[in-house]
Amino acid sequence: MPIRPDRTVPERDTDALDSSLVRALQADGRASIHELARTLGVSRDLVSRRLGTLIGRDGLRVVAALDPGFAGLNVLIHGLVAVDGRARPVAEQLADLPDTVFVSLVGGSSPVVFESRHGDLDELHATLTAIREIPGVRGLRVSTYDALLKEFITAASVTSVKLDRLDHDLIAVLQDDGRASYRELADKVRLSPSSARARVRRLLDAGVIRIAAIDAGGLSRNRVAVGVGIGLR
């Protein structure tokens, strides 16, 4: 069924509410509708309707991100791709590669930007070879991250914990839907809801995963996403 526009709130106010809702979900992707409504100072019904619109119409996703270091992904790169012809088909094939975690279309001589994460240099070289084989790729420049001081989706700090198969199963479900209910999580990994809740809380508290809203760049017409590179003397 098509999602009807919310006619109870003026469009300008709806834009502001949507932006605030996305920011709240970036801070805590598993916040309940009640908690979100209290934070934003609006009704639960309005939050539920706007969240449904953002997910169903605008492509908002709330997912779990696994800390790259904890996952053994210690080689992180930023890449610029020059292309012959249209950039979007190249970007779409790049996004399908298993090691890419970010792909964007930008202006300039290298219209495709990506980030990828790898367990070692052999994995990195295999990914770079696959990128060079994509039709339309004319050139490729990469930089390796020495350290990540701040990142949008991962936790600020990580505590060493031991994960078992059930933890990995829970993470896999949350990577697809970070707002899955504890009942849904329990059913998928064959745990009780209380056990699923305790395990998810442990993963979050340890910083192994962070659950937040992503793909929200187009949700507000008055926001622009940019990337900045700084050269040092």
C-alpha atoms as a PDB file:
ATOM      1  CA  MET A   1       0.000   0.000   0.000  1.00  0.00           C
ATOM      2  CA  PRO A   2       1.456   3.427  -0.868  1.00  0.00           C
ATOM      3  CA  ILE A   3       2.401   5.609   2.079  1.00  0.00           C
ATOM      4  CA  ARG A   4       0.168   8.641   2.339  1.00  0.00           C
ATOM      5  CA  PRO A   5       1.735  11.992   3.168  1.00  0.00           C
ATOM      6  CA  ASP A   6       1.332  13.137   6.757  1.00  0.00           C
ATOM      7  CA  ARG A   7      -1.167  15.969   6.444  1.00  0.00           C
ATOM      8  CA  THR A   8      -1.284  16.720  10.160  1.00  0.00           C
ATOM      9  CA  VAL A   9       2.058  18.577  10.136  1.00  0.00           C
ATOM     10  CA  PRO A  10       3.107  21.395   7.749  1.00  0.00           C
ATOM     11  CA  GLU A  11       5.754  20.253   5.246  1.00  0.00           C
ATOM     12  CA  ARG A  12       8.427  22.574   6.663  1.00  0.00           C
ATOM     13  CA  ASP A  13       7.775  21.310  10.205  1.00  0.00           C
ATOM     14  CA  THR A  14       7.768  17.713   8.939  1.00  0.00           C
ATOM     15  CA  ASP A  15      11.225  18.241   7.412  1.00  0.00           C
ATOM     16  CA  ALA A  16      12.543  19.528  10.739  1.00  0.00           C
ATOM     17  CA  LEU A  17      10.909  16.657  12.627  1.00  0.00           C
ATOM     18  CA  ASP A  18      12.337  14.083  10.217  1.00  0.00           C
ATOM     19  CA  SER A  19      15.838  15.517  10.637  1.00  0.00           C
ATOM     20  CA  SER A  20      15.484  15.406  14.430  1.00  0.00           C
ATOM     21  CA  LEU A  21      14.142  11.858  14.264  1.00  0.00           C
ATOM     22  CA  VAL A  22      17.080  10.699  12.148  1.00  0.00           C
ATOM     23  CA  ARG A  23      19.561  12.331  14.557  1.00  0.00           C
ATOM     24  CA  ALA A  24      17.872  10.598  17.493  1.00  0.00           C
ATOM     25  CA  LEU A  25      18.155   7.253  15.701  1.00  0.00           C
ATOM     26  CA  GLN A  26      21.802   7.948  14.898  1.00  0.00           C
ATOM     27  CA  ALA A  27      22.380   8.364  18.629  1.00  0.00           C
ATOM     28  CA  ASP A  28      20.363   5.258  19.585  1.00  0.00           C
ATOM     29  CA  GLY A  29      19.020   3.114  16.796  1.00  0.00           C
ATOM     30  CA  ARG A  30      17.020   0.908  19.172  1.00  0.00           C
ATOM     31  CA  ALA A  31      15.259   3.717  21.018  1.00  0.00           C
ATOM     32  CA  SER A  32      11.583   2.850  21.429  1.00  0.00           C
ATOM     33  CA  ILE A  33       8.786   4.875  19.845  1.00  0.00           C
ATOM     34  CA  HIS A  34       7.920   6.106  23.349  1.00  0.00           C
ATOM     35  CA  GLU A  35      11.520   7.223  23.983  1.00  0.00           C
ATOM     36  CA  LEU A  36      11.745   8.931  20.588  1.00  0.00           C
ATOM     37  CA  ALA A  37       8.449  10.743  21.162  1.00  0.00           C
ATOM     38  CA  ARG A  38       9.606  11.945  24.568  1.00  0.00           C
ATOM     39  CA  THR A  39      12.947  13.126  23.167  1.00  0.00           C
ATOM     40  CA  LEU A  40      11.304  15.013  20.296  1.00  0.00           C
ATOM     41  CA  GLY A  41       8.366  16.338  22.307  1.00  0.00           C
ATOM     42  CA  VAL A  42       5.706  14.926  19.970  1.00  0.00           C
ATOM     43  CA  SER A  43       3.141  12.131  20.103  1.00  0.00           C
ATOM     44  CA  ARG A  44       4.035   8.471  19.701  1.00  0.00           C
ATOM     45  CA  ASP A  45       1.559   8.194  16.840  1.00  0.00           C
ATOM     46  CA  LEU A  46       3.319  10.984  14.936  1.00  0.00           C
ATOM     47  CA  VAL A  47       6.755   9.415  15.498  1.00  0.00           C
ATOM     48  CA  SER A  48       5.456   6.049  14.309  1.00  0.00           C
ATOM     49  CA  ARG A  49       3.979   7.564  11.138  1.00  0.00           C
ATOM     50  CA  ARG A  50       7.066   9.616  10.300  1.00  0.00           C
ATOM     51  CA  LEU A  51       9.394   6.659  10.926  1.00  0.00           C
ATOM     52  CA  GLY A  52       7.261   4.503   8.640  1.00  0.00           C
ATOM     53  CA  THR A  53       7.499   7.162   5.939  1.00  0.00           C
ATOM     54  CA  LEU A  54      11.266   7.540   6.303  1.00  0.00           C
ATOM     55  CA  ILE A  55      11.810   3.787   6.055  1.00  0.00           C
ATOM     56  CA  GLY A  56       9.216   3.026   3.399  1.00  0.00           C
ATOM     57  CA  ARG A  57       9.581   6.064   1.151  1.00  0.00           C
ATOM     58  CA  ASP A  58      12.989   7.594   1.784  1.00  0.00           C
ATOM     59  CA  GLY A  59      15.194   4.546   2.286  1.00  0.00           C
ATOM     60  CA  LEU A  60      16.181   5.091   5.909  1.00  0.00           C
ATOM     61  CA  ARG A  61      17.813   2.017   7.419  1.00  0.00           C
ATOM     62  CA  VAL A  62      18.690   1.316  11.026  1.00  0.00           C
ATOM     63  CA  VAL A  63      21.390  -1.349  11.223  1.00  0.00           C
ATOM     64  CA  ALA A  64      24.157  -2.709  13.413  1.00  0.00           C
ATOM     65  CA  ALA A  65      27.781  -2.034  12.488  1.00  0.00           C
ATOM     66  CA  LEU A  66      30.478  -4.365  13.798  1.00  0.00           C
ATOM     67  CA  ASP A  67      33.652  -2.686  15.025  1.00  0.00           C
ATOM     68  CA  PRO A  68      36.231  -3.282  12.238  1.00  0.00           C
ATOM     69  CA  GLY A  69      39.120  -3.931  14.607  1.00  0.00           C
ATOM     70  CA  PHE A  70      37.094  -6.452  16.582  1.00  0.00           C
ATOM     71  CA  ALA A  71      36.181  -8.156  13.313  1.00  0.00           C
ATOM     72  CA  GLY A  72      39.866  -8.398  12.361  1.00  0.00           C
ATOM     73  CA  LEU A  73      39.561  -5.829   9.555  1.00  0.00           C
ATOM     74  CA  ASN A  74      42.782  -3.919  10.136  1.00  0.00           C
ATOM     75  CA  VAL A  75      43.449  -2.584   6.610  1.00  0.00           C
ATOM     76  CA  LEU A  76      41.123   0.348   5.899  1.00  0.00           C
ATOM     77  CA  ILE A  77      41.335   2.399   2.705  1.00  0.00           C
ATOM     78  CA  HIS A  78      39.756   5.393   1.004  1.00  0.00           C
ATOM     79  CA  GLY A  79      39.615   5.284  -2.789  1.00  0.00           C
ATOM     80  CA  LEU A  80      38.917   7.623  -5.716  1.00  0.00           C
ATOM     81  CA  VAL A  81      37.839   6.147  -9.048  1.00  0.00           C
ATOM     82  CA  ALA A  82      38.124   7.916 -12.415  1.00  0.00           C
ATOM     83  CA  VAL A  83      35.747   6.559 -15.047  1.00  0.00           C
ATOM     84  CA  ASP A  84      35.059   6.640 -18.775  1.00  0.00           C
ATOM     85  CA  GLY A  85      31.363   7.170 -19.421  1.00  0.00           C
ATOM     86  CA  ARG A  86      28.647   7.052 -16.778  1.00  0.00           C
ATOM     87  CA  ALA A  87      29.758   6.804 -13.172  1.00  0.00           C
ATOM     88  CA  ARG A  88      26.654   5.202 -11.655  1.00  0.00           C
ATOM     89  CA  PRO A  89      27.077   1.715 -13.221  1.00  0.00           C
ATOM     90  CA  VAL A  90      30.650   1.654 -11.919  1.00  0.00           C
ATOM     91  CA  ALA A  91      29.522   2.742  -8.455  1.00  0.00           C
ATOM     92  CA  GLU A  92      26.790   0.097  -8.376  1.00  0.00           C
ATOM     93  CA  GLN A  93      29.239  -2.689  -9.221  1.00  0.00           C
ATOM     94  CA  LEU A  94      31.671  -1.297  -6.665  1.00  0.00           C
ATOM     95  CA  ALA A  95      28.931  -1.364  -4.029  1.00  0.00           C
ATOM     96  CA  ASP A  96      28.345  -5.065  -4.755  1.00  0.00           C
ATOM     97  CA  LEU A  97      31.903  -6.008  -3.763  1.00  0.00           C
ATOM     98  CA  PRO A  98      31.960  -7.716  -0.348  1.00  0.00           C
ATOM     99  CA  ASP A  99      34.690  -5.543   1.199  1.00  0.00           C
ATOM    100  CA  THR A 100      33.324  -2.084   0.322  1.00  0.00           C
ATOM    101  CA  VAL A 101      31.504  -0.359   3.191  1.00  0.00           C
ATOM    102  CA  PHE A 102      30.859   3.042   1.603  1.00  0.00           C
ATOM    103  CA  VAL A 103      30.342   4.070  -2.029  1.00  0.00           C
ATOM    104  CA  SER A 104      29.321   7.544  -3.178  1.00  0.00           C
ATOM    105  CA  LEU A 105      28.917   9.552  -6.380  1.00  0.00           C
ATOM    106  CA  VAL A 106      30.576  12.976  -6.247  1.00  0.00           C
ATOM    107  CA  GLY A 107      31.522  15.804  -8.575  1.00  0.00           C
ATOM    108  CA  GLY A 108      34.999  16.197 -10.062  1.00  0.00           C
ATOM    109  CA  SER A 109      37.484  14.204 -12.093  1.00  0.00           C
ATOM    110  CA  SER A 110      37.061  11.107  -9.884  1.00  0.00           C
ATOM    111  CA  PRO A 111      33.285  10.813  -9.518  1.00  0.00           C
ATOM    112  CA  VAL A 112      33.213   7.588  -7.492  1.00  0.00           C
ATOM    113  CA  VAL A 113      34.470   7.532  -3.908  1.00  0.00           C
ATOM    114  CA  PHE A 114      34.613   4.405  -1.763  1.00  0.00           C
ATOM    115  CA  GLU A 115      35.908   2.969   1.478  1.00  0.00           C
ATOM    116  CA  SER A 116      36.759  -0.675   2.028  1.00  0.00           C
ATOM    117  CA  ARG A 117      37.999  -2.821   4.904  1.00  0.00           C
ATOM    118  CA  HIS A 118      40.215  -5.884   4.741  1.00  0.00           C
ATOM    119  CA  GLY A 119      41.787  -8.474   6.966  1.00  0.00           C
ATOM    120  CA  ASP A 120      45.206  -8.212   5.309  1.00  0.00           C
ATOM    121  CA  LEU A 121      47.042  -6.812   2.290  1.00  0.00           C
ATOM    122  CA  ASP A 122      46.230  -9.858   0.161  1.00  0.00           C
ATOM    123  CA  GLU A 123      42.512  -9.129   0.586  1.00  0.00           C
ATOM    124  CA  LEU A 124      43.144  -5.473  -0.262  1.00  0.00           C
ATOM    125  CA  HIS A 125      45.020  -6.334  -3.454  1.00  0.00           C
ATOM    126  CA  ALA A 126      42.258  -8.746  -4.499  1.00  0.00           C
ATOM    127  CA  THR A 127      39.659  -5.990  -4.070  1.00  0.00           C
ATOM    128  CA  LEU A 128      41.735  -3.450  -6.010  1.00  0.00           C
ATOM    129  CA  THR A 129      42.155  -5.966  -8.833  1.00  0.00           C
ATOM    130  CA  ALA A 130      38.390  -6.528  -8.911  1.00  0.00           C
ATOM    131  CA  ILE A 131      37.779  -2.770  -9.060  1.00  0.00           C
ATOM    132  CA  ARG A 132      40.201  -2.273 -11.951  1.00  0.00           C
ATOM    133  CA  GLU A 133      38.342  -4.995 -13.874  1.00  0.00           C
ATOM    134  CA  ILE A 134      34.990  -3.168 -13.642  1.00  0.00           C
ATOM    135  CA  PRO A 135      34.046  -1.872 -17.128  1.00  0.00           C
ATOM    136  CA  GLY A 136      34.471   1.886 -17.301  1.00  0.00           C
ATOM    137  CA  VAL A 137      37.154   2.218 -14.619  1.00  0.00           C
ATOM    138  CA  ARG A 138      39.943   4.401 -16.016  1.00  0.00           C
ATOM    139  CA  GLY A 139      42.022   5.080 -12.921  1.00  0.00           C
ATOM    140  CA  LEU A 140      42.189   4.342  -9.206  1.00  0.00           C
ATOM    141  CA  ARG A 141      43.854   6.198  -6.325  1.00  0.00           C
ATOM    142  CA  VAL A 142      43.814   4.856  -2.779  1.00  0.00           C
ATOM    143  CA  SER A 143      44.932   6.044   0.644  1.00  0.00           C
ATOM    144  CA  THR A 144      45.328   3.835   3.708  1.00  0.00           C
ATOM    145  CA  TYR A 145      43.932   4.992   7.036  1.00  0.00           C
ATOM    146  CA  ASP A 146      46.544   5.009   9.791  1.00  0.00           C
ATOM    147  CA  ALA A 147      43.910   5.546  12.495  1.00  0.00           C
ATOM    148  CA  LEU A 148      40.218   6.337  12.841  1.00  0.00           C
ATOM    149  CA  LEU A 149      39.770   9.052  15.454  1.00  0.00           C
ATOM    150  CA  LYS A 150      36.041   9.460  14.874  1.00  0.00           C
ATOM    151  CA  GLU A 151      33.609   7.515  12.748  1.00  0.00           C
ATOM    152  CA  PHE A 152      29.909   7.886  12.150  1.00  0.00           C
ATOM    153  CA  ILE A 153      28.662   4.399  12.879  1.00  0.00           C
ATOM    154  CA  THR A 154      31.102   2.512  15.124  1.00  0.00           C
ATOM    155  CA  ALA A 155      31.457   2.837  18.886  1.00  0.00           C
ATOM    156  CA  ALA A 156      33.945   5.211  20.489  1.00  0.00           C
ATOM    157  CA  SER A 157      35.648   2.427  22.472  1.00  0.00           C
ATOM    158  CA  VAL A 158      35.635  -1.360  22.520  1.00  0.00           C
ATOM    159  CA  THR A 159      35.935  -3.709  25.489  1.00  0.00           C
ATOM    160  CA  SER A 160      37.441  -7.124  24.849  1.00  0.00           C
ATOM    161  CA  VAL A 161      34.710  -9.773  25.031  1.00  0.00           C
ATOM    162  CA  LYS A 162      34.450 -13.320  23.737  1.00  0.00           C
ATOM    163  CA  LEU A 163      31.699 -13.999  21.210  1.00  0.00           C
ATOM    164  CA  ASP A 164      30.017 -17.328  20.576  1.00  0.00           C
ATOM    165  CA  ARG A 165      27.889 -18.573  17.682  1.00  0.00           C
ATOM    166  CA  LEU A 166      24.685 -17.077  19.112  1.00  0.00           C
ATOM    167  CA  ASP A 167      26.343 -13.660  19.389  1.00  0.00           C
ATOM    168  CA  HIS A 168      27.393 -13.828  15.745  1.00  0.00           C
ATOM    169  CA  ASP A 169      23.887 -14.947  14.746  1.00  0.00           C
ATOM    170  CA  LEU A 170      22.365 -11.984  16.601  1.00  0.00           C
ATOM    171  CA  ILE A 171      24.818  -9.575  14.977  1.00  0.00           C
ATOM    172  CA  ALA A 172      23.908 -10.918  11.531  1.00  0.00           C
ATOM    173  CA  VAL A 173      20.199 -10.287  12.153  1.00  0.00           C
ATOM    174  CA  LEU A 174      20.860  -6.801  13.540  1.00  0.00           C
ATOM    175  CA  GLN A 175      23.053  -5.927  10.558  1.00  0.00           C
ATOM    176  CA  ASP A 176      19.945  -6.418   8.431  1.00  0.00           C
ATOM    177  CA  ASP A 177      17.444  -4.790  10.815  1.00  0.00           C
ATOM    178  CA  GLY A 178      18.793  -2.971  13.844  1.00  0.00           C
ATOM    179  CA  ARG A 179      15.279  -2.348  15.180  1.00  0.00           C
ATOM    180  CA  ALA A 180      14.162  -5.978  15.125  1.00  0.00           C
ATOM    181  CA  SER A 181      12.227  -6.678  18.319  1.00  0.00           C
ATOM    182  CA  TYR A 182      13.699  -8.930  20.987  1.00  0.00           C
ATOM    183  CA  ARG A 183      10.931 -11.435  20.195  1.00  0.00           C
ATOM    184  CA  GLU A 184      11.980 -11.441  16.516  1.00  0.00           C
ATOM    185  CA  LEU A 185      15.645 -11.797  17.480  1.00  0.00           C
ATOM    186  CA  ALA A 186      14.824 -14.609  19.888  1.00  0.00           C
ATOM    187  CA  ASP A 187      12.817 -16.508  17.274  1.00  0.00           C
ATOM    188  CA  LYS A 188      15.575 -16.238  14.668  1.00  0.00           C
ATOM    189  CA  VAL A 189      18.413 -17.443  16.903  1.00  0.00           C
ATOM    190  CA  ARG A 190      16.351 -19.753  19.161  1.00  0.00           C
ATOM    191  CA  LEU A 191      16.736 -17.888  22.430  1.00  0.00           C
ATOM    192  CA  SER A 192      14.273 -16.477  24.929  1.00  0.00           C
ATOM    193  CA  PRO A 193      13.512 -12.750  24.478  1.00  0.00           C
ATOM    194  CA  SER A 194      15.173 -11.981  27.821  1.00  0.00           C
ATOM    195  CA  SER A 195      18.357 -13.806  26.761  1.00  0.00           C
ATOM    196  CA  ALA A 196      18.352 -12.015  23.397  1.00  0.00           C
ATOM    197  CA  ARG A 197      17.979  -8.680  25.195  1.00  0.00           C
ATOM    198  CA  ALA A 198      20.851  -9.460  27.572  1.00  0.00           C
ATOM    199  CA  ARG A 199      23.168 -10.494  24.742  1.00  0.00           C
ATOM    200  CA  VAL A 200      22.378  -7.433  22.611  1.00  0.00           C
ATOM    201  CA  ARG A 201      22.907  -5.167  25.620  1.00  0.00           C
ATOM    202  CA  ARG A 202      26.290  -6.832  26.272  1.00  0.00           C
ATOM    203  CA  LEU A 203      27.376  -6.310  22.651  1.00  0.00           C
ATOM    204  CA  LEU A 204      26.335  -2.651  22.748  1.00  0.00           C
ATOM    205  CA  ASP A 205      27.903  -1.936  26.143  1.00  0.00           C
ATOM    206  CA  ALA A 206      31.206  -3.509  25.030  1.00  0.00           C
ATOM    207  CA  GLY A 207      31.243  -1.425  21.834  1.00  0.00           C
ATOM    208  CA  VAL A 208      31.385  -4.538  19.663  1.00  0.00           C
ATOM    209  CA  ILE A 209      28.432  -3.191  17.684  1.00  0.00           C
ATOM    210  CA  ARG A 210      26.677   0.122  17.345  1.00  0.00           C
ATOM    211  CA  ILE A 211      23.128   0.410  16.028  1.00  0.00           C
ATOM    212  CA  ALA A 212      22.253   3.615  14.201  1.00  0.00           C
ATOM    213  CA  ALA A 213      20.410   5.141  11.255  1.00  0.00           C
ATOM    214  CA  ILE A 214      22.244   5.213   7.918  1.00  0.00           C
ATOM    215  CA  ASP A 215      21.500   6.165   4.293  1.00  0.00           C
ATOM    216  CA  ALA A 216      19.750   9.297   5.472  1.00  0.00           C
ATOM    217  CA  GLY A 217      21.508  11.785   3.200  1.00  0.00           C
ATOM    218  CA  GLY A 218      18.428  12.571   1.141  1.00  0.00           C
ATOM    219  CA  LEU A 219      15.935  12.835   3.956  1.00  0.00           C
ATOM    220  CA  SER A 220      16.009  16.598   4.248  1.00  0.00           C
ATOM    221  CA  ARG A 221      16.126  19.044   1.397  1.00  0.00           C
ATOM    222  CA  ASN A 222      18.011  21.582   3.492  1.00  0.00           C
ATOM    223  CA  ARG A 223      21.038  19.372   4.271  1.00  0.00           C
ATOM    224  CA  VAL A 224      24.080  18.751   2.089  1.00  0.00           C
ATOM    225  CA  ALA A 225      26.585  15.913   2.536  1.00  0.00           C
ATOM    226  CA  VAL A 226      30.225  16.762   1.790  1.00  0.00           C
ATOM    227  CA  GLY A 227      33.636  15.182   2.218  1.00  0.00           C
ATOM    228  CA  VAL A 228      36.747  17.241   2.942  1.00  0.00           C
ATOM    229  CA  GLY A 229      40.375  16.276   2.407  1.00  0.00           C
ATOM    230  CA  ILE A 230      43.085  18.328   4.140  1.00  0.00           C
ATOM    231  CA  GLY A 231      46.682  18.570   2.953  1.00  0.00           C
ATOM    232  CA  LEU A 232      49.369  19.364   5.546  1.00  0.00           C
ATOM    233  CA  ARG A 233      52.612  21.276   5.086  1.00  0.00           C
END
